[in-house]
N, C-alpha and C. Protein backbone atom coordinates (compact mmCIF):
# COMPACT_ATOMS: atom_id res chain seq x y z
N MET A 1 11.95 -16.00 -9.56
CA MET A 1 10.06 -16.23 -10.56
C MET A 1 9.83 -15.32 -11.17
N PRO A 2 9.19 -15.41 -12.77
CA PRO A 2 9.10 -14.43 -13.14
C PRO A 2 7.54 -13.71 -13.25
N VAL A 3 7.36 -12.78 -13.37
CA VAL A 3 6.36 -12.48 -12.62
C VAL A 3 5.78 -11.16 -14.73
N THR A 4 5.10 -11.50 -15.83
CA THR A 4 4.58 -10.40 -16.44
C THR A 4 3.20 -9.23 -16.16
N MET A 5 3.20 -8.02 -16.54
CA MET A 5 2.56 -7.44 -15.98
C MET A 5 1.06 -7.21 -16.71
N VAL A 6 0.10 -7.25 -16.03
CA VAL A 6 -1.24 -7.70 -17.25
C VAL A 6 -1.94 -6.64 -16.28
N ARG A 7 -2.77 -5.86 -17.69
CA ARG A 7 -4.10 -5.12 -17.62
C ARG A 7 -5.18 -5.08 -18.06
N ASN A 8 -6.10 -4.68 -16.73
CA ASN A 8 -7.35 -5.49 -16.57
C ASN A 8 -8.31 -4.23 -17.95
N THR A 9 -9.72 -4.64 -18.88
CA THR A 9 -9.89 -3.28 -19.78
C THR A 9 -11.12 -3.93 -18.96
N LEU A 10 -11.68 -4.31 -18.32
CA LEU A 10 -12.70 -4.65 -17.71
C LEU A 10 -13.53 -2.89 -17.10
N PRO A 11 -14.71 -2.36 -17.49
CA PRO A 11 -15.17 -1.65 -16.14
C PRO A 11 -14.94 -1.87 -14.44
N GLY A 12 -15.08 -3.17 -14.20
CA GLY A 12 -15.34 -3.65 -12.99
C GLY A 12 -14.08 -4.65 -12.23
N LEU A 13 -13.76 -5.15 -11.51
CA LEU A 13 -13.23 -5.95 -10.72
C LEU A 13 -12.64 -7.36 -11.64
N PHE A 14 -11.52 -7.58 -11.36
CA PHE A 14 -11.14 -9.23 -12.13
C PHE A 14 -10.52 -9.81 -11.06
N VAL A 15 -10.83 -10.83 -11.02
CA VAL A 15 -9.96 -12.03 -10.60
C VAL A 15 -9.33 -13.69 -11.06
N LEU A 16 -8.22 -13.47 -11.30
CA LEU A 16 -7.85 -14.83 -11.64
C LEU A 16 -7.43 -15.68 -9.98
N SER A 17 -7.98 -16.97 -10.14
CA SER A 17 -6.59 -18.31 -9.63
C SER A 17 -6.01 -19.54 -10.30
N SER A 18 -5.57 -19.52 -9.04
CA SER A 18 -4.26 -20.60 -10.33
C SER A 18 -5.04 -21.98 -10.45
N ASP A 19 -6.51 -22.96 -9.14
CA ASP A 19 -6.74 -23.19 -8.70
C ASP A 19 -7.64 -23.81 -7.85
N PRO A 20 -8.66 -24.21 -7.28
CA PRO A 20 -9.96 -23.61 -7.09
C PRO A 20 -9.33 -23.47 -5.26
N LYS A 21 -8.40 -23.98 -5.04
CA LYS A 21 -8.29 -23.54 -3.85
C LYS A 21 -7.53 -22.73 -3.74
N GLY A 22 -7.44 -21.96 -4.69
CA GLY A 22 -6.44 -19.88 -4.09
C GLY A 22 -4.81 -20.77 -3.81
N SER A 23 -4.76 -21.33 -4.58
CA SER A 23 -2.96 -21.87 -4.80
C SER A 23 -2.36 -19.86 -4.23
N HIS A 24 -2.49 -19.24 -5.41
CA HIS A 24 -2.01 -18.01 -6.42
C HIS A 24 -3.76 -17.41 -7.17
N TYR A 25 -3.77 -16.42 -6.84
CA TYR A 25 -4.77 -15.76 -7.68
C TYR A 25 -4.07 -13.77 -6.86
N VAL A 26 -4.89 -13.30 -8.91
CA VAL A 26 -4.44 -12.13 -9.39
C VAL A 26 -5.26 -11.08 -9.37
N GLU A 27 -6.05 -9.77 -7.96
CA GLU A 27 -7.18 -8.76 -8.64
C GLU A 27 -6.84 -7.62 -8.90
N TRP A 28 -7.35 -7.56 -9.80
CA TRP A 28 -7.41 -6.50 -10.22
C TRP A 28 -8.46 -5.64 -10.21
N GLN A 29 -8.68 -4.27 -9.95
CA GLN A 29 -8.91 -3.15 -10.02
C GLN A 29 -10.21 -2.91 -11.91
N ALA A 30 -11.18 -2.03 -11.78
CA ALA A 30 -11.52 -1.97 -12.65
C ALA A 30 -10.87 -0.93 -14.20
N ALA A 31 -10.82 -0.95 -15.14
CA ALA A 31 -9.68 -0.41 -16.45
C ALA A 31 -9.70 1.35 -15.80
N ASN A 32 -8.80 1.08 -15.60
CA ASN A 32 -8.80 3.57 -16.19
C ASN A 32 -8.22 3.18 -13.77
N ASP A 33 -8.75 2.59 -13.42
CA ASP A 33 -8.04 2.46 -11.98
C ASP A 33 -7.30 3.57 -11.37
N PRO A 34 -8.05 4.61 -10.37
CA PRO A 34 -7.45 6.46 -10.11
C PRO A 34 -5.83 5.74 -9.54
N GLN A 35 -6.35 4.23 -8.79
CA GLN A 35 -4.71 4.07 -7.85
C GLN A 35 -4.29 3.39 -8.57
N GLY A 36 -4.21 3.53 -9.40
CA GLY A 36 -3.73 2.08 -10.53
C GLY A 36 -3.78 0.87 -10.56
N GLY A 37 -4.81 0.15 -10.10
CA GLY A 37 -4.96 -1.20 -9.35
C GLY A 37 -5.22 -2.60 -10.20
N ASP A 38 -5.10 -1.15 -12.01
CA ASP A 38 -5.79 -1.63 -13.05
C ASP A 38 -4.76 -2.16 -13.57
N VAL A 39 -3.14 -2.21 -13.31
CA VAL A 39 -2.57 -2.92 -13.60
C VAL A 39 -1.41 -3.75 -12.00
N GLN A 40 -1.63 -4.96 -13.33
CA GLN A 40 -1.20 -5.96 -11.96
C GLN A 40 0.30 -6.76 -12.17
N PRO A 41 1.37 -7.27 -10.94
CA PRO A 41 1.40 -8.20 -11.75
C PRO A 41 1.75 -9.86 -12.18
N ALA A 42 1.30 -10.76 -12.82
CA ALA A 42 1.11 -12.36 -12.85
C ALA A 42 2.32 -13.06 -12.22
N PRO A 43 1.78 -13.85 -11.67
CA PRO A 43 3.30 -14.89 -11.29
C PRO A 43 2.58 -16.15 -12.38
N GLU A 44 3.73 -16.70 -13.12
CA GLU A 44 3.77 -17.93 -13.82
C GLU A 44 2.31 -18.91 -13.64
N GLU A 45 2.88 -18.79 -12.46
CA GLU A 45 1.40 -19.76 -12.24
C GLU A 45 -0.12 -19.16 -12.51
N ILE A 46 -0.19 -17.93 -12.81
CA ILE A 46 -1.50 -18.08 -13.48
C ILE A 46 -1.52 -17.41 -14.71
N VAL A 47 -0.52 -16.92 -15.25
CA VAL A 47 0.03 -16.73 -16.96
C VAL A 47 -0.49 -18.45 -17.32
N GLY A 48 0.34 -19.41 -16.64
CA GLY A 48 -0.10 -20.73 -17.54
C GLY A 48 -1.20 -21.06 -17.41
N THR A 49 -2.49 -20.75 -16.77
CA THR A 49 -3.89 -21.41 -16.93
C THR A 49 -4.47 -20.89 -18.01
N PRO A 50 -5.60 -21.86 -17.98
CA PRO A 50 -6.25 -21.98 -19.45
C PRO A 50 -7.15 -20.92 -19.50
N GLN A 51 -7.89 -20.03 -17.88
CA GLN A 51 -8.36 -19.01 -17.89
C GLN A 51 -7.93 -18.06 -18.37
N PHE A 52 -6.28 -18.03 -17.49
CA PHE A 52 -5.79 -16.43 -18.08
C PHE A 52 -5.67 -17.06 -19.56
N LEU A 53 -5.38 -17.35 -20.14
CA LEU A 53 -4.79 -17.75 -21.80
C LEU A 53 -6.89 -16.85 -22.46
N ARG A 54 -7.22 -17.35 -21.66
CA ARG A 54 -8.73 -16.95 -22.35
C ARG A 54 -9.83 -16.01 -22.50
N ALA A 55 -9.24 -15.12 -21.43
CA ALA A 55 -8.66 -13.62 -20.65
C ALA A 55 -8.57 -12.86 -21.82
N VAL A 56 -6.95 -13.30 -22.14
CA VAL A 56 -5.93 -12.47 -23.09
C VAL A 56 -7.13 -12.50 -24.42
N GLN A 57 -7.52 -13.45 -24.60
CA GLN A 57 -7.58 -13.46 -26.30
C GLN A 57 -9.26 -13.03 -26.47
N ARG A 58 -9.98 -12.66 -25.60
CA ARG A 58 -11.20 -12.50 -24.35
C ARG A 58 -10.69 -10.51 -24.77
N GLY A 59 -9.78 -10.11 -24.83
CA GLY A 59 -9.58 -8.78 -24.64
C GLY A 59 -9.69 -8.25 -23.25
N ILE A 60 -10.28 -9.17 -22.56
CA ILE A 60 -10.47 -9.50 -21.02
C ILE A 60 -8.75 -8.51 -20.43
N LEU A 61 -7.53 -8.76 -20.71
CA LEU A 61 -6.84 -9.21 -19.73
C LEU A 61 -5.64 -8.58 -20.60
N VAL A 62 -4.07 -7.92 -20.93
CA VAL A 62 -3.40 -7.06 -21.75
C VAL A 62 -1.86 -7.38 -21.31
N LEU A 63 -1.55 -8.16 -21.78
CA LEU A 63 -0.24 -8.19 -21.14
C LEU A 63 0.42 -6.67 -21.40
N GLU A 64 1.06 -6.73 -20.70
CA GLU A 64 2.33 -5.64 -21.12
C GLU A 64 3.97 -6.04 -21.34
N GLU A 65 3.78 -5.89 -23.15
CA GLU A 65 5.10 -5.64 -22.76
C GLU A 65 6.42 -5.58 -22.76
N ASP A 66 6.12 -4.37 -22.43
CA ASP A 66 7.37 -3.70 -22.27
C ASP A 66 6.40 -3.08 -20.63
N ASN A 67 7.83 -3.23 -19.86
CA ASN A 67 7.46 -2.75 -18.35
C ASN A 67 7.50 -1.23 -18.68
N ASN A 68 8.77 -0.48 -19.56
CA ASN A 68 8.52 0.88 -19.00
C ASN A 68 7.70 1.79 -19.63
N ASP A 69 6.75 1.32 -20.80
CA ASP A 69 5.89 1.81 -21.57
C ASP A 69 5.30 2.92 -20.49
N PRO A 70 4.88 4.60 -20.93
CA PRO A 70 4.06 4.96 -19.42
C PRO A 70 3.08 5.28 -18.33
N ALA A 71 2.24 4.41 -19.57
CA ALA A 71 0.92 3.42 -18.81
C ALA A 71 1.05 3.23 -17.96
N ILE A 72 2.68 2.14 -18.33
CA ILE A 72 2.89 1.23 -17.22
C ILE A 72 3.45 1.91 -15.62
N VAL A 73 3.62 2.23 -15.98
CA VAL A 73 4.84 3.28 -14.95
C VAL A 73 3.89 3.86 -14.65
N GLU A 74 2.85 5.31 -15.26
CA GLU A 74 1.96 5.50 -14.72
C GLU A 74 1.60 5.16 -13.78
N ALA A 75 0.55 4.10 -14.10
CA ALA A 75 -0.47 3.66 -13.10
C ALA A 75 0.96 2.49 -11.48
N LEU A 76 1.47 1.92 -11.88
CA LEU A 76 2.05 1.60 -10.75
C LEU A 76 2.93 3.11 -9.66
N LYS A 77 2.79 4.26 -10.37
CA LYS A 77 3.53 4.97 -9.85
C LYS A 77 2.21 4.95 -8.40
N ARG A 78 1.48 5.51 -8.98
CA ARG A 78 -0.65 5.77 -8.88
C ARG A 78 -0.83 4.90 -7.70
N GLN A 79 -0.30 3.45 -8.02
CA GLN A 79 -0.24 2.51 -6.53
C GLN A 79 0.48 3.07 -5.95
N VAL A 80 2.01 2.75 -6.00
CA VAL A 80 2.25 3.84 -5.01
C VAL A 80 2.32 5.10 -3.62
N ASP A 81 1.90 5.46 -4.35
CA ASP A 81 1.15 7.35 -4.48
C ASP A 81 0.26 6.78 -3.36
N SER A 82 -0.97 5.56 -3.67
CA SER A 82 -1.97 5.46 -2.92
C SER A 82 -2.12 4.95 -1.98
N TRP A 83 -0.44 4.37 -1.63
CA TRP A 83 -0.04 3.20 0.01
C TRP A 83 0.01 3.92 0.29
N LYS A 84 1.15 5.63 -0.16
CA LYS A 84 1.70 5.80 1.14
C LYS A 84 0.45 7.24 1.47
N ALA A 85 -0.05 7.34 0.62
CA ALA A 85 -1.06 7.95 1.40
C ALA A 85 -1.92 7.47 2.82
N ARG A 86 -2.78 6.11 2.35
CA ARG A 86 -2.73 5.56 3.35
C ARG A 86 -2.02 5.18 4.32
N SER A 87 -1.21 5.34 4.01
CA SER A 87 -0.07 5.15 5.24
C SER A 87 -0.47 6.12 5.88
N GLY A 88 0.47 7.22 5.21
CA GLY A 88 0.32 8.58 6.28
C GLY A 88 -1.67 8.44 6.84
N GLU A 89 -2.45 8.11 6.07
CA GLU A 89 -3.61 8.10 7.23
C GLU A 89 -3.91 7.07 7.87
N ASN A 90 -3.27 5.89 8.38
CA ASN A 90 -3.72 5.71 9.47
C ASN A 90 -2.39 6.04 10.26
N ALA A 91 -0.96 6.33 9.94
CA ALA A 91 -0.05 6.77 10.62
C ALA A 91 -0.69 7.98 11.84
N ALA A 92 -1.68 8.37 11.04
CA ALA A 92 -2.48 9.96 11.51
C ALA A 92 -3.61 9.37 12.53
N ALA A 93 -4.76 8.70 12.04
CA ALA A 93 -5.17 7.76 13.02
C ALA A 93 -4.21 7.07 14.42
N GLU A 94 -3.78 6.20 13.98
CA GLU A 94 -2.18 6.04 15.70
C GLU A 94 -2.40 6.99 16.14
N THR A 95 -1.37 7.75 15.80
CA THR A 95 -1.59 9.43 16.32
C THR A 95 -2.54 9.74 17.26
N ALA A 96 -3.41 10.17 16.30
CA ALA A 96 -4.95 10.34 16.89
C ALA A 96 -5.27 9.56 18.06
N VAL A 97 -5.84 8.22 17.82
CA VAL A 97 -5.50 7.50 18.58
C VAL A 97 -4.84 7.76 20.92
N ILE A 98 -3.14 7.86 20.23
CA ILE A 98 -2.06 8.24 21.08
C ILE A 98 -2.69 9.28 21.78
N ASP A 99 -2.63 10.24 20.91
CA ASP A 99 -2.56 11.62 21.66
C ASP A 99 -3.80 11.12 22.76
N ASP A 100 -5.26 11.01 22.18
CA ASP A 100 -5.68 11.05 22.94
C ASP A 100 -6.19 10.13 24.39
N LYS A 101 -5.24 9.33 24.49
CA LYS A 101 -4.64 8.15 25.22
C LYS A 101 -3.83 9.22 25.78
N VAL A 102 -3.35 9.77 25.88
CA VAL A 102 -2.10 10.84 26.92
C VAL A 102 -3.39 11.59 27.33
N GLU A 103 -3.84 12.60 27.06
CA GLU A 103 -4.73 13.53 27.35
C GLU A 103 -5.84 12.99 28.99
N GLU A 104 -5.98 11.65 28.66
CA GLU A 104 -7.01 11.32 29.31
C GLU A 104 -6.54 11.12 30.66
């Protein structure tokens, strides 16, 4: 299934759904999100909706044609770095809980 990389330009969260049931949805974080959440892949089920087209026409969402664009690459790197940091925090917290149990 092809996806399109899309960037949110709003200063806040933006969410689009393909239908009222939310079968497919994409959530973009605010523009310039430090964790890169302002750039998300959007599946064709989202890209094909009138709401998506209106958001693009209004400049809320920007299609990123070049996936090698340094801004896209950097946003995706920030997403990975953020995920790794969260994973490390979770692992440290889990280890701490296990250590506490062992000491009892």
